[in-house]
Amino acid sequence: MAISVDELAQTVIRILETRFEGAKADITPMPNSGRVSGEIVWDGFEGIEPIDRQKMVRTELNSMLGILATYVSLILTFTSQEIEEILAA
């Protein structure tokens, strides 16, 4: 990989928070894997099926990262309301 895992995590955050205006992304390196994972919270996901949210995120990452997108593992997608409901449970 041409960049460090920490740099990749920061790059993914910048991409997601730029492409999904108003989003908050939390992306971290996965231990001993050379990959990153995390979550994005964006109210624009409201009413969109989870698989379609994943397609949206992957489309942006593939477009901006090229081959480096293969080092991005799971990115969970939530709205702020969904996060509130999870935290209240």
N, C-alpha and C. Protein backbone atom coordinates (compact mmCIF):
# COMPACT_ATOMS: atom_id res chain seq x y z
N MET A 1 0.85 -1.17 0.00
CA MET A 1 0.00 0.00 0.00
C MET A 1 0.90 1.23 0.00
N ALA A 2 0.53 2.22 -0.79
CA ALA A 2 1.35 3.41 -0.97
C ALA A 2 1.28 4.39 0.19
N ILE A 3 0.24 4.29 1.03
CA ILE A 3 0.12 5.18 2.17
C ILE A 3 -0.07 4.34 3.44
N SER A 4 0.14 4.96 4.58
CA SER A 4 -0.04 4.23 5.83
C SER A 4 -1.53 4.01 6.11
N VAL A 5 -1.82 3.08 6.99
CA VAL A 5 -3.21 2.80 7.34
C VAL A 5 -3.83 4.03 8.02
N ASP A 6 -3.05 4.74 8.83
CA ASP A 6 -3.56 5.96 9.47
C ASP A 6 -3.91 7.02 8.43
N GLU A 7 -3.05 7.15 7.43
CA GLU A 7 -3.33 8.11 6.35
C GLU A 7 -4.56 7.69 5.57
N LEU A 8 -4.71 6.41 5.33
CA LEU A 8 -5.88 5.91 4.62
C LEU A 8 -7.15 6.23 5.41
N ALA A 9 -7.12 6.01 6.71
CA ALA A 9 -8.28 6.30 7.55
C ALA A 9 -8.66 7.78 7.45
N GLN A 10 -7.68 8.67 7.52
CA GLN A 10 -7.95 10.10 7.42
C GLN A 10 -8.47 10.47 6.03
N THR A 11 -7.94 9.83 5.00
CA THR A 11 -8.40 10.09 3.64
C THR A 11 -9.84 9.65 3.46
N VAL A 12 -10.19 8.48 4.00
CA VAL A 12 -11.57 7.99 3.90
C VAL A 12 -12.52 8.94 4.63
N ILE A 13 -12.12 9.42 5.79
CA ILE A 13 -12.95 10.39 6.51
C ILE A 13 -13.18 11.62 5.66
N ARG A 14 -12.13 12.16 5.08
CA ARG A 14 -12.27 13.37 4.25
C ARG A 14 -13.19 13.11 3.07
N ILE A 15 -13.04 11.97 2.41
CA ILE A 15 -13.89 11.65 1.26
C ILE A 15 -15.35 11.57 1.69
N LEU A 16 -15.63 10.81 2.73
CA LEU A 16 -17.02 10.62 3.15
C LEU A 16 -17.65 11.92 3.64
N GLU A 17 -16.92 12.71 4.40
CA GLU A 17 -17.48 13.94 4.93
C GLU A 17 -17.62 15.02 3.86
N THR A 18 -16.87 14.89 2.77
CA THR A 18 -17.00 15.82 1.65
C THR A 18 -18.13 15.40 0.72
N ARG A 19 -18.17 14.12 0.36
CA ARG A 19 -19.16 13.61 -0.59
C ARG A 19 -20.56 13.51 -0.02
N PHE A 20 -20.65 13.32 1.30
CA PHE A 20 -21.94 13.24 1.99
C PHE A 20 -22.01 14.46 2.91
N GLU A 21 -22.41 15.59 2.35
CA GLU A 21 -22.36 16.86 3.06
C GLU A 21 -23.12 16.80 4.39
N GLY A 22 -22.44 17.20 5.45
CA GLY A 22 -23.02 17.19 6.78
C GLY A 22 -22.79 15.89 7.53
N ALA A 23 -22.16 14.91 6.89
CA ALA A 23 -21.91 13.61 7.52
C ALA A 23 -20.78 13.70 8.53
N LYS A 24 -20.81 12.76 9.46
CA LYS A 24 -19.71 12.59 10.42
C LYS A 24 -19.21 11.15 10.26
N ALA A 25 -17.96 11.01 9.89
CA ALA A 25 -17.37 9.68 9.69
C ALA A 25 -16.36 9.40 10.79
N ASP A 26 -16.36 8.16 11.26
CA ASP A 26 -15.39 7.69 12.25
C ASP A 26 -14.75 6.44 11.66
N ILE A 27 -13.54 6.58 11.18
CA ILE A 27 -12.83 5.49 10.50
C ILE A 27 -11.52 5.24 11.23
N THR A 28 -11.26 3.97 11.55
CA THR A 28 -10.04 3.64 12.29
C THR A 28 -9.35 2.43 11.65
N PRO A 29 -8.03 2.34 11.86
CA PRO A 29 -7.31 1.16 11.38
C PRO A 29 -7.76 -0.09 12.14
N MET A 30 -7.82 -1.20 11.44
CA MET A 30 -8.11 -2.49 12.06
C MET A 30 -6.77 -3.10 12.45
N PRO A 31 -6.63 -3.54 13.69
CA PRO A 31 -5.33 -4.06 14.16
C PRO A 31 -4.78 -5.19 13.29
N ASN A 32 -3.52 -5.08 12.97
CA ASN A 32 -2.76 -6.13 12.27
C ASN A 32 -3.36 -6.58 10.94
N SER A 33 -4.09 -5.69 10.27
CA SER A 33 -4.72 -6.11 9.02
C SER A 33 -4.35 -5.25 7.82
N GLY A 34 -3.88 -4.04 8.07
CA GLY A 34 -3.61 -3.13 6.96
C GLY A 34 -4.88 -2.55 6.36
N ARG A 35 -6.00 -2.70 7.06
CA ARG A 35 -7.29 -2.24 6.56
C ARG A 35 -7.90 -1.24 7.54
N VAL A 36 -8.92 -0.53 7.07
CA VAL A 36 -9.66 0.40 7.93
C VAL A 36 -11.14 0.04 7.91
N SER A 37 -11.84 0.44 8.95
CA SER A 37 -13.29 0.23 9.02
C SER A 37 -13.88 1.33 9.88
N GLY A 38 -15.20 1.39 9.94
CA GLY A 38 -15.83 2.39 10.79
C GLY A 38 -17.27 2.63 10.44
N GLU A 39 -17.69 3.87 10.64
CA GLU A 39 -19.08 4.21 10.40
C GLU A 39 -19.20 5.62 9.84
N ILE A 40 -20.32 5.86 9.19
CA ILE A 40 -20.68 7.19 8.73
C ILE A 40 -22.11 7.45 9.19
N VAL A 41 -22.32 8.63 9.79
CA VAL A 41 -23.64 9.05 10.21
C VAL A 41 -24.04 10.22 9.32
N TRP A 42 -25.13 10.05 8.61
CA TRP A 42 -25.59 11.07 7.65
C TRP A 42 -27.10 11.00 7.55
N ASP A 43 -27.75 12.11 7.79
CA ASP A 43 -29.21 12.13 7.74
C ASP A 43 -29.76 11.93 6.33
N GLY A 44 -28.93 12.10 5.34
CA GLY A 44 -29.34 11.83 3.96
C GLY A 44 -29.63 10.36 3.70
N PHE A 45 -29.25 9.48 4.60
CA PHE A 45 -29.56 8.06 4.47
C PHE A 45 -31.00 7.73 4.84
N GLU A 46 -31.70 8.70 5.42
CA GLU A 46 -33.09 8.47 5.84
C GLU A 46 -33.92 7.94 4.66
N GLY A 47 -34.60 6.83 4.89
CA GLY A 47 -35.47 6.24 3.88
C GLY A 47 -34.76 5.41 2.82
N ILE A 48 -33.45 5.26 2.94
CA ILE A 48 -32.67 4.49 1.97
C ILE A 48 -32.33 3.14 2.59
N GLU A 49 -32.57 2.08 1.85
CA GLU A 49 -32.30 0.73 2.33
C GLU A 49 -30.80 0.56 2.61
N PRO A 50 -30.46 -0.26 3.62
CA PRO A 50 -29.05 -0.45 3.97
C PRO A 50 -28.16 -0.86 2.80
N ILE A 51 -28.62 -1.75 1.95
CA ILE A 51 -27.79 -2.17 0.81
C ILE A 51 -27.52 -1.01 -0.15
N ASP A 52 -28.51 -0.14 -0.30
CA ASP A 52 -28.32 1.02 -1.18
C ASP A 52 -27.39 2.04 -0.55
N ARG A 53 -27.42 2.15 0.76
CA ARG A 53 -26.47 3.03 1.45
C ARG A 53 -25.04 2.53 1.21
N GLN A 54 -24.88 1.22 1.33
CA GLN A 54 -23.55 0.63 1.10
C GLN A 54 -23.07 0.89 -0.33
N LYS A 55 -23.98 0.76 -1.28
CA LYS A 55 -23.62 1.03 -2.68
C LYS A 55 -23.19 2.47 -2.86
N MET A 56 -23.89 3.39 -2.20
CA MET A 56 -23.54 4.81 -2.29
C MET A 56 -22.13 5.05 -1.75
N VAL A 57 -21.86 4.49 -0.57
CA VAL A 57 -20.55 4.68 0.07
C VAL A 57 -19.46 4.05 -0.79
N ARG A 58 -19.68 2.83 -1.23
CA ARG A 58 -18.66 2.12 -2.03
C ARG A 58 -18.40 2.83 -3.36
N THR A 59 -19.44 3.35 -3.97
CA THR A 59 -19.26 4.07 -5.23
C THR A 59 -18.31 5.25 -5.04
N GLU A 60 -18.53 6.01 -3.98
CA GLU A 60 -17.67 7.17 -3.72
C GLU A 60 -16.24 6.75 -3.40
N LEU A 61 -16.09 5.73 -2.55
CA LEU A 61 -14.74 5.29 -2.18
C LEU A 61 -14.00 4.71 -3.37
N ASN A 62 -14.68 3.89 -4.17
CA ASN A 62 -14.04 3.32 -5.36
C ASN A 62 -13.62 4.41 -6.33
N SER A 63 -14.48 5.40 -6.50
CA SER A 63 -14.20 6.50 -7.42
C SER A 63 -12.98 7.32 -6.96
N MET A 64 -12.90 7.59 -5.68
CA MET A 64 -11.85 8.47 -5.17
C MET A 64 -10.55 7.74 -4.80
N LEU A 65 -10.66 6.48 -4.40
CA LEU A 65 -9.47 5.77 -3.91
C LEU A 65 -8.88 4.80 -4.92
N GLY A 66 -9.65 4.39 -5.90
CA GLY A 66 -9.15 3.39 -6.84
C GLY A 66 -8.82 2.09 -6.11
N ILE A 67 -7.67 1.53 -6.39
CA ILE A 67 -7.28 0.25 -5.82
C ILE A 67 -7.17 0.30 -4.30
N LEU A 68 -6.90 1.47 -3.73
CA LEU A 68 -6.82 1.57 -2.26
C LEU A 68 -8.15 1.28 -1.59
N ALA A 69 -9.25 1.36 -2.32
CA ALA A 69 -10.57 1.05 -1.74
C ALA A 69 -10.65 -0.40 -1.27
N THR A 70 -9.78 -1.26 -1.80
CA THR A 70 -9.79 -2.66 -1.36
C THR A 70 -9.29 -2.80 0.07
N TYR A 71 -8.67 -1.76 0.62
CA TYR A 71 -8.20 -1.78 2.00
C TYR A 71 -9.24 -1.20 2.97
N VAL A 72 -10.41 -0.85 2.44
CA VAL A 72 -11.50 -0.35 3.28
C VAL A 72 -12.45 -1.51 3.52
N SER A 73 -12.58 -1.89 4.77
CA SER A 73 -13.45 -3.00 5.15
C SER A 73 -14.86 -2.47 5.38
N LEU A 74 -15.49 -2.91 6.42
CA LEU A 74 -16.87 -2.56 6.72
C LEU A 74 -17.02 -1.09 7.11
N ILE A 75 -17.96 -0.41 6.45
CA ILE A 75 -18.35 0.94 6.83
C ILE A 75 -19.84 0.87 7.15
N LEU A 76 -20.18 0.98 8.43
CA LEU A 76 -21.58 0.99 8.83
C LEU A 76 -22.20 2.34 8.48
N THR A 77 -23.47 2.33 8.09
CA THR A 77 -24.15 3.55 7.69
C THR A 77 -25.37 3.77 8.58
N PHE A 78 -25.46 4.97 9.15
CA PHE A 78 -26.55 5.31 10.06
C PHE A 78 -27.05 6.72 9.80
N THR A 79 -28.29 6.98 10.23
CA THR A 79 -28.76 8.35 10.38
C THR A 79 -28.56 8.74 11.83
N SER A 80 -28.65 10.03 12.13
CA SER A 80 -28.50 10.46 13.52
C SER A 80 -29.64 9.91 14.38
N GLN A 81 -30.83 9.76 13.80
CA GLN A 81 -31.96 9.19 14.55
C GLN A 81 -31.68 7.73 14.91
N GLU A 82 -31.10 6.99 13.99
CA GLU A 82 -30.77 5.59 14.27
C GLU A 82 -29.74 5.48 15.39
N ILE A 83 -28.77 6.37 15.40
CA ILE A 83 -27.76 6.37 16.46
C ILE A 83 -28.43 6.68 17.80
N GLU A 84 -29.33 7.65 17.82
CA GLU A 84 -30.04 7.97 19.06
C GLU A 84 -30.81 6.78 19.57
N GLU A 85 -31.47 6.04 18.67
CA GLU A 85 -32.25 4.87 19.07
C GLU A 85 -31.34 3.76 19.60
N ILE A 86 -30.19 3.58 18.99
CA ILE A 86 -29.23 2.57 19.46
C ILE A 86 -28.73 2.93 20.85
N LEU A 87 -28.39 4.18 21.06
CA LEU A 87 -27.86 4.61 22.35
C LEU A 87 -28.92 4.58 23.45
N ALA A 88 -30.17 4.74 23.07
CA ALA A 88 -31.26 4.72 24.06
C ALA A 88 -31.66 3.32 24.47
N ALA A 89 -31.28 2.34 23.68
CA ALA A 89 -31.69 0.94 23.95
C ALA A 89 -30.98 0.35 25.15
